[in-house]
Protein backbone atom coordinates (compact mmCIF):
# COMPACT_ATOMS: atom_id res chain seq x y z
CA MET A 1 4.58 -117.77 99.72
CA LYS A 2 3.67 -119.56 96.49
CA TYR A 3 6.35 -120.72 94.10
CA ALA A 4 5.60 -120.98 90.38
CA MET A 5 7.86 -122.48 87.74
CA LEU A 6 8.34 -120.84 84.34
CA ALA A 7 8.61 -123.37 81.53
CA PRO A 8 11.89 -122.65 79.69
CA ALA A 9 11.27 -121.57 76.11
CA VAL A 10 14.56 -120.57 74.46
CA THR A 11 15.54 -124.05 73.27
CA GLY A 12 12.04 -124.86 71.99
CA THR A 13 11.44 -127.67 74.47
CA THR A 14 7.92 -126.47 75.32
CA ALA A 15 6.94 -127.74 71.86
CA ASP A 16 8.32 -131.22 72.61
CA PRO A 17 5.37 -133.13 74.12
CA ALA A 18 7.45 -135.69 75.99
CA TRP A 19 9.87 -133.07 77.36
CA ILE A 20 7.28 -130.56 78.56
CA ALA A 21 4.98 -133.26 79.97
CA ALA A 22 7.84 -134.63 82.07
CA PHE A 23 8.81 -131.09 83.14
CA ALA A 24 5.26 -130.34 84.30
CA ALA A 25 4.86 -133.67 86.09
CA HIS A 26 8.15 -133.10 87.93
CA ALA A 27 7.15 -129.55 88.90
CA GLU A 28 3.94 -130.96 90.36
CA ALA A 29 5.78 -133.74 92.19
CA CYS A 30 8.21 -131.19 93.67
CA GLY A 31 5.34 -129.17 95.14
CA PHE A 32 5.48 -126.03 93.00
CA GLU A 33 2.23 -124.07 93.00
CA SER A 34 1.90 -123.57 89.25
CA ILE A 35 3.58 -123.87 85.89
CA VAL A 36 3.71 -120.77 83.67
CA VAL A 37 4.05 -120.62 79.87
CA VAL A 38 4.77 -117.71 77.52
CA GLU A 39 3.17 -116.49 74.30
CA HIS A 40 4.16 -115.01 70.97
CA ALA A 41 1.66 -115.51 68.15
CA VAL A 42 4.38 -114.53 65.71
CA VAL A 43 7.91 -113.21 66.06
CA VAL A 44 8.87 -110.72 63.40
CA SER A 45 12.48 -111.21 62.34
CA ARG A 46 13.19 -107.47 62.21
CA TYR A 47 11.43 -105.51 64.93
CA ASP A 48 11.98 -101.86 65.77
CA ASN A 49 10.76 -101.64 69.38
CA ALA A 50 13.26 -102.45 72.12
CA TYR A 51 12.61 -105.57 74.17
CA PRO A 52 12.07 -104.09 77.66
CA TYR A 53 13.51 -106.95 79.74
CA ASP A 54 17.09 -107.00 78.45
CA ALA A 55 19.63 -104.20 78.22
CA SER A 56 20.41 -105.22 74.64
CA GLY A 57 16.85 -104.45 73.58
CA ARG A 58 16.62 -107.86 71.92
CA MET A 59 14.83 -111.01 73.04
CA GLU A 60 16.87 -114.04 74.03
CA LEU A 61 14.36 -116.17 72.10
CA PRO A 62 15.58 -117.04 68.58
CA ASP A 63 13.26 -115.78 65.88
CA ASP A 64 12.57 -119.35 64.75
CA CYS A 65 12.05 -120.79 68.24
CA PRO A 66 8.98 -123.07 68.46
CA ILE A 67 6.56 -121.33 70.86
CA PRO A 68 3.28 -123.24 71.29
CA ASP A 69 0.00 -121.45 71.78
CA PRO A 70 -0.19 -121.07 75.58
CA LEU A 71 -3.78 -122.19 76.06
CA GLU A 72 -3.33 -125.23 73.82
CA LEU A 73 -0.16 -126.08 75.72
CA LEU A 74 -1.86 -125.69 79.11
CA ALA A 75 -4.75 -127.88 77.92
CA PHE A 76 -2.21 -130.57 77.02
CA LEU A 77 -0.52 -130.22 80.43
CA ALA A 78 -3.88 -130.32 82.21
CA GLY A 79 -4.25 -133.89 80.96
CA ARG A 80 -0.78 -134.81 82.23
CA THR A 81 -1.14 -133.34 85.73
CA SER A 82 -3.78 -133.28 88.45
CA ARG A 83 -2.96 -130.61 91.05
CA ILE A 84 -0.52 -127.99 89.84
CA GLY A 85 -1.85 -124.61 88.74
CA LEU A 86 -1.70 -123.70 85.05
CA ALA A 87 -0.89 -120.13 84.07
CA THR A 88 0.06 -117.85 81.21
CA GLY A 89 2.91 -115.47 81.74
CA VAL A 90 2.09 -113.53 79.72
CA LEU A 91 -0.68 -113.89 77.17
CA VAL A 92 -0.62 -110.90 74.78
CA LEU A 93 -4.19 -109.78 75.30
CA PRO A 94 -4.60 -107.35 72.34
CA ASN A 95 -3.89 -110.26 69.97
CA HIS A 96 -7.14 -112.00 70.99
CA HIS A 97 -10.83 -111.30 70.47
CA PRO A 98 -12.30 -111.34 74.01
CA VAL A 99 -15.50 -113.20 73.12
CA VAL A 100 -13.58 -116.13 71.66
CA LEU A 101 -10.92 -115.92 74.38
CA ALA A 102 -13.56 -115.94 77.14
CA LYS A 103 -14.94 -119.20 75.76
CA ARG A 104 -11.52 -120.84 75.42
CA VAL A 105 -10.43 -119.80 78.91
CA ALA A 106 -13.67 -120.85 80.58
CA THR A 107 -13.60 -124.21 78.83
CA LEU A 108 -10.03 -124.86 79.92
CA ASP A 109 -10.79 -123.82 83.51
CA VAL A 110 -13.67 -126.30 83.67
CA LEU A 111 -11.72 -129.15 82.09
CA CYS A 112 -8.64 -128.66 84.31
CA GLY A 113 -10.67 -128.47 87.50
CA GLY A 114 -10.34 -124.74 88.19
CA ARG A 115 -6.53 -124.60 88.05
CA LEU A 116 -6.15 -121.79 85.49
CA ARG A 117 -4.66 -118.32 86.00
CA LEU A 118 -4.14 -115.70 83.32
CA ALA A 119 -1.32 -113.19 83.39
CA VAL A 120 -1.87 -110.85 80.46
CA GLY A 121 0.27 -108.18 78.88
CA MET A 122 -0.26 -105.44 76.32
CA GLY A 123 2.61 -106.54 74.09
CA TRP A 124 5.79 -104.64 73.25
CA MET A 125 6.45 -105.86 69.68
CA ARG A 126 4.52 -103.50 67.39
CA GLU A 127 4.91 -105.82 64.41
CA GLU A 128 3.35 -108.78 66.27
CA ILE A 129 0.37 -106.72 67.43
CA GLU A 130 -0.22 -105.36 63.94
CA ALA A 131 0.14 -108.82 62.36
CA CYS A 132 -2.73 -109.94 64.61
CA GLY A 133 -4.91 -107.11 63.30
CA THR A 134 -4.74 -104.64 66.19
CA ASP A 135 -3.67 -101.00 66.23
CA PHE A 136 -0.56 -100.77 68.42
CA ALA A 137 -1.36 -97.31 69.81
CA SER A 138 -4.80 -98.32 71.10
CA ARG A 139 -3.84 -101.75 72.44
CA GLY A 140 -4.10 -100.68 76.09
CA ARG A 141 -7.67 -99.40 75.73
CA ARG A 142 -8.58 -102.48 73.75
CA ALA A 143 -7.11 -104.75 76.44
CA ASP A 144 -9.01 -102.94 79.21
CA GLU A 145 -12.25 -103.43 77.34
CA SER A 146 -11.34 -107.06 76.63
CA ILE A 147 -11.08 -107.75 80.36
CA ASP A 148 -14.50 -106.16 80.89
CA VAL A 149 -16.02 -108.27 78.10
CA MET A 150 -14.58 -111.51 79.43
CA ARG A 151 -15.76 -110.82 82.96
CA ALA A 152 -19.24 -109.96 81.64
CA LEU A 153 -19.41 -113.22 79.71
CA TRP A 154 -18.18 -115.24 82.71
CA ALA A 155 -20.76 -113.69 85.06
CA ASP A 156 -24.09 -115.35 85.73
CA THR A 157 -26.35 -113.10 83.65
CA ALA A 158 -29.06 -115.64 82.80
CA PRO A 159 -31.70 -115.48 81.48
CA ASP A 160 -30.94 -112.19 79.69
CA GLY A 161 -27.24 -112.69 78.91
CA ALA A 162 -24.40 -110.19 78.85
CA THR A 163 -24.58 -106.83 77.11
CA HIS A 164 -21.60 -104.61 76.37
CA HIS A 165 -21.33 -101.54 74.15
CA GLY A 166 -17.79 -100.21 74.02
CA GLU A 167 -15.20 -98.59 71.79
CA PHE A 168 -14.00 -101.87 70.27
CA PHE A 169 -16.61 -104.52 71.07
CA ARG A 170 -20.38 -104.72 71.08
CA LEU A 171 -22.60 -107.58 72.20
CA ASP A 172 -26.22 -107.87 73.27
CA ARG A 173 -27.84 -110.59 75.38
CA ALA A 174 -24.84 -112.87 74.83
CA MET A 175 -24.85 -116.26 76.57
CA SER A 176 -21.46 -117.94 76.96
CA TYR A 177 -21.28 -121.37 78.60
CA PRO A 178 -19.65 -123.16 80.30
CA LYS A 179 -18.78 -120.64 82.97
CA PRO A 180 -15.34 -120.89 84.61
CA LEU A 181 -15.24 -123.29 87.52
CA GLN A 182 -13.60 -120.71 89.78
CA PRO A 183 -16.09 -118.39 91.51
CA GLY A 184 -15.83 -114.93 90.00
CA GLY A 185 -14.11 -116.26 86.90
CA VAL A 186 -10.50 -117.03 86.06
CA PRO A 187 -8.05 -114.70 87.88
CA ILE A 188 -6.49 -112.13 85.57
CA HIS A 189 -3.10 -110.77 86.59
CA ILE A 190 -1.48 -107.88 84.75
CA GLY A 191 2.06 -108.33 83.53
CA GLY A 192 4.23 -105.29 82.91
CA HIS A 193 6.66 -102.81 84.37
CA SER A 194 4.87 -99.54 83.57
CA VAL A 195 2.65 -97.18 85.54
CA ALA A 196 -0.17 -98.07 83.14
CA ALA A 197 0.21 -101.76 84.06
CA ALA A 198 0.03 -100.97 87.77
CA ARG A 199 -3.08 -98.84 87.28
CA ARG A 200 -4.68 -101.56 85.17
CA ALA A 201 -3.98 -104.12 87.88
CA GLY A 202 -5.59 -101.92 90.51
CA ARG A 203 -8.66 -101.13 88.43
CA ARG A 204 -9.32 -104.46 86.73
CA GLY A 205 -6.81 -107.12 87.69
CA ASP A 206 -6.43 -109.73 90.38
CA GLY A 207 -2.73 -109.03 90.72
CA LEU A 208 0.42 -107.55 89.21
CA GLN A 209 3.43 -109.35 87.72
CA PRO A 210 6.15 -106.69 87.27
CA LEU A 211 9.11 -108.94 86.43
CA GLY A 212 12.47 -107.21 86.39
CA VAL A 213 11.38 -104.26 88.54
CA VAL A 214 13.18 -103.79 91.87
CA GLY A 215 13.72 -101.35 94.71
CA ASP A 216 11.95 -98.00 94.73
CA ASP A 217 10.53 -98.58 91.26
CA LEU A 218 8.79 -101.73 92.50
CA ARG A 219 7.46 -100.02 95.61
CA ARG A 220 6.10 -97.21 93.44
CA LEU A 221 4.24 -99.62 91.15
CA VAL A 222 2.77 -101.55 94.06
CA GLY A 223 1.64 -98.29 95.65
CA ILE A 224 -0.01 -97.18 92.40
CA MET A 225 -1.83 -100.52 92.10
CA ARG A 226 -3.11 -100.32 95.65
CA ASP A 227 -4.16 -96.67 95.35
CA GLU A 228 -6.04 -97.35 92.11
CA ALA A 229 -7.81 -100.31 93.68
CA SER A 230 -8.93 -98.23 96.65
CA ALA A 231 -10.10 -95.41 94.38
CA CYS A 232 -12.26 -97.92 92.47
CA GLY A 233 -13.78 -99.35 95.66
CA ARG A 234 -11.77 -102.55 95.41
CA ASP A 235 -9.87 -104.18 98.28
CA PRO A 236 -6.13 -103.76 97.58
CA ASP A 237 -5.29 -106.55 100.02
CA ARG A 238 -6.98 -109.04 97.69
CA LEU A 239 -4.56 -108.27 94.86
CA GLU A 240 -1.54 -110.54 94.48
CA LEU A 241 2.02 -109.58 93.59
CA THR A 242 4.19 -111.99 91.60
CA LEU A 243 7.94 -111.35 91.43
CA GLY A 244 10.60 -113.23 89.52
CA TYR A 245 13.77 -114.98 90.70
CA SER A 246 16.25 -117.64 89.64
CA ALA A 247 15.48 -121.18 90.82
CA ALA A 248 19.20 -121.80 91.26
CA LYS A 249 19.63 -118.77 93.56
CA ILE A 250 16.43 -118.62 95.58
CA THR A 251 16.73 -119.38 99.29
CA PRO A 252 14.26 -119.08 102.18
CA GLU A 253 16.04 -115.89 103.24
CA ARG A 254 15.74 -114.34 99.80
CA ALA A 255 12.12 -115.40 99.65
CA GLU A 256 11.52 -113.62 102.95
CA ARG A 257 12.98 -110.44 101.47
CA LEU A 258 10.63 -110.73 98.50
CA ALA A 259 7.73 -111.27 100.89
CA ALA A 260 8.73 -108.10 102.71
CA LEU A 261 8.29 -106.28 99.39
CA GLY A 262 4.74 -107.62 99.23
CA ALA A 263 5.27 -110.71 97.05
CA ASP A 264 2.63 -113.43 97.27
CA ARG A 265 4.24 -115.57 94.59
CA VAL A 266 7.73 -116.04 93.18
CA LEU A 267 8.00 -117.02 89.53
CA LEU A 268 11.15 -119.11 89.23
CA THR A 269 13.29 -119.56 86.14
CA VAL A 270 15.49 -122.58 85.51
CA THR A 271 18.44 -123.00 83.18
CA ASP A 272 17.11 -123.07 79.63
CA SER A 273 18.63 -126.35 78.49
CA PRO A 274 17.37 -129.30 76.47
CA ASP A 275 18.97 -131.57 79.09
CA LEU A 276 15.78 -132.60 80.91
CA ALA A 277 17.58 -134.51 83.65
CA ALA A 278 19.71 -131.47 84.53
CA VAL A 279 16.67 -129.20 84.58
CA MET A 280 14.77 -131.62 86.80
CA ASP A 281 17.73 -131.82 89.18
CA GLU A 282 17.74 -128.01 89.40
CA MET A 283 14.03 -128.02 90.18
CA SER A 284 14.44 -130.71 92.84
CA ALA A 285 17.29 -128.84 94.52
CA CYS A 286 15.23 -125.64 94.54
CA ALA A 287 12.24 -127.43 96.08
CA ASP A 288 14.49 -128.97 98.74
CA ARG A 289 15.95 -125.58 99.71
CA LEU A 290 12.49 -124.07 99.97
CA GLY A 291 11.07 -127.02 101.90
CA LEU A 292 8.20 -127.60 99.49
CA ALA A 293 5.74 -130.32 100.41
CA GLY A 294 6.57 -132.51 97.44
CA SER A 295 10.34 -132.38 97.82
């Protein structure tokens, strides 16, 4: 089992360079597999769609919470760490042009020594998607094509380059360097709790991150992902499953139960507090309970 640590965002501490650098360094010292950061390009103060991860339908993030760009933040943390994985969780894929994103992601993967992982989502806030210039209704199709474009640009297509003619993007003989350091490109995991997310993970992703889904609903999504992978000639056993849990409550026994559900990674959340010492103590206690190598 791999244990990732979600950087707390509610109090805005991910935008404090000293705070987040110390948080990441401590996560690495404790032996956590990766650090995960969130994204919102903009937060619209009055949004109509319900936030899907809270019964209230509203985000816990304040509208004016400082939320750094995730790739810029991970680049900063790459220079403050040496071993820990660096991941988005999630990057709102329809907000980004895939040609530019492919370059940014490949560059970061090279500079951090192949430690990058993308978890991407389709976005739930219509107003954010539209503010970034994308039609909300077609965001899923656009995201699917974006993954195809990025993988084409990351592939070794020299000397001719990559060609793609799709619904949203068109490129001919495009050469994008550097290539990601990781063979096959940067892993792309699909975040989401819907059937569409599970299908997307099976067809195009390297894994599924269905946070907040449990029981029969989780088993159904995992089954859909695996069936889609098999139907596309992909090996379902190569796809990872990332599930969420509280760092304060996780135990080896609970981790075993998550593993029995198919989890390869647990994304842990800590108390969202500006008190860095208290957060670090919580991380250390979690690492001790789990018997991580750095604890």
